[in-house]
């Protein structure tokens, strides 16, 4: 699940954005209180995209310039020079649909770079798998394979860590949340769902269980 951080001193405005972004199945954090730029950088270090209301610092974009993360910014006036990491800029009033499409495109571009991977089974064929985070599907060659939101989140996590064992705890924390009861075997159930859709469909083995450690996509 992608992480979005909203920074705005306007609590009503921030809450409206939060509701809309949660509707896209994004993990949203809101910062309303005024904190320093170094503290903001620490608070947003796990974010995939930051939604920043420039009124938070009286129109100042110094925090935006200090970060390498992609930003979507809101401003009450036209900003002459925007840093390169600003992927969208909106002045109020604005269309919420335009804002959501902007956020979607930023996240999609982030994931497209990470999620075009080559699958090289023991055969003459080489497959390229492209993941679509919004349709929750994978394109492998000419095949389109659709997933449930949880299946897609799990596959995305494995793809981002391809070749590395992802622990069971990391799977549960990332896909189901840190408060999820880990006494059942829901992770193993969903690994099997992915195997049925990927391994069985392609006739190759992609997902491995590393005994006592976790799971790996090879």
Foldseek 3Di string as FASTA:
>chain_A
DAEEEEEELPVVVSVVLVVVVVVLVYHYHYDNDDDDLVVVCVVCVRHQEYEYECVSVPNDCVSVVVDPHAYAYEYCDDDDDDDPSDQYYYHPPDDVVVVVVSVQVSVQVVLQVQQFDWDDFPDPDIWTWGARLRQQWIQTPNDIFHDDNLLSQLVSVQSNVAPDFDFPQNSCCRRVNNPDDPPDPVVVVSVVVVCVRPCVVVVGDAKDADPPGHIHGD
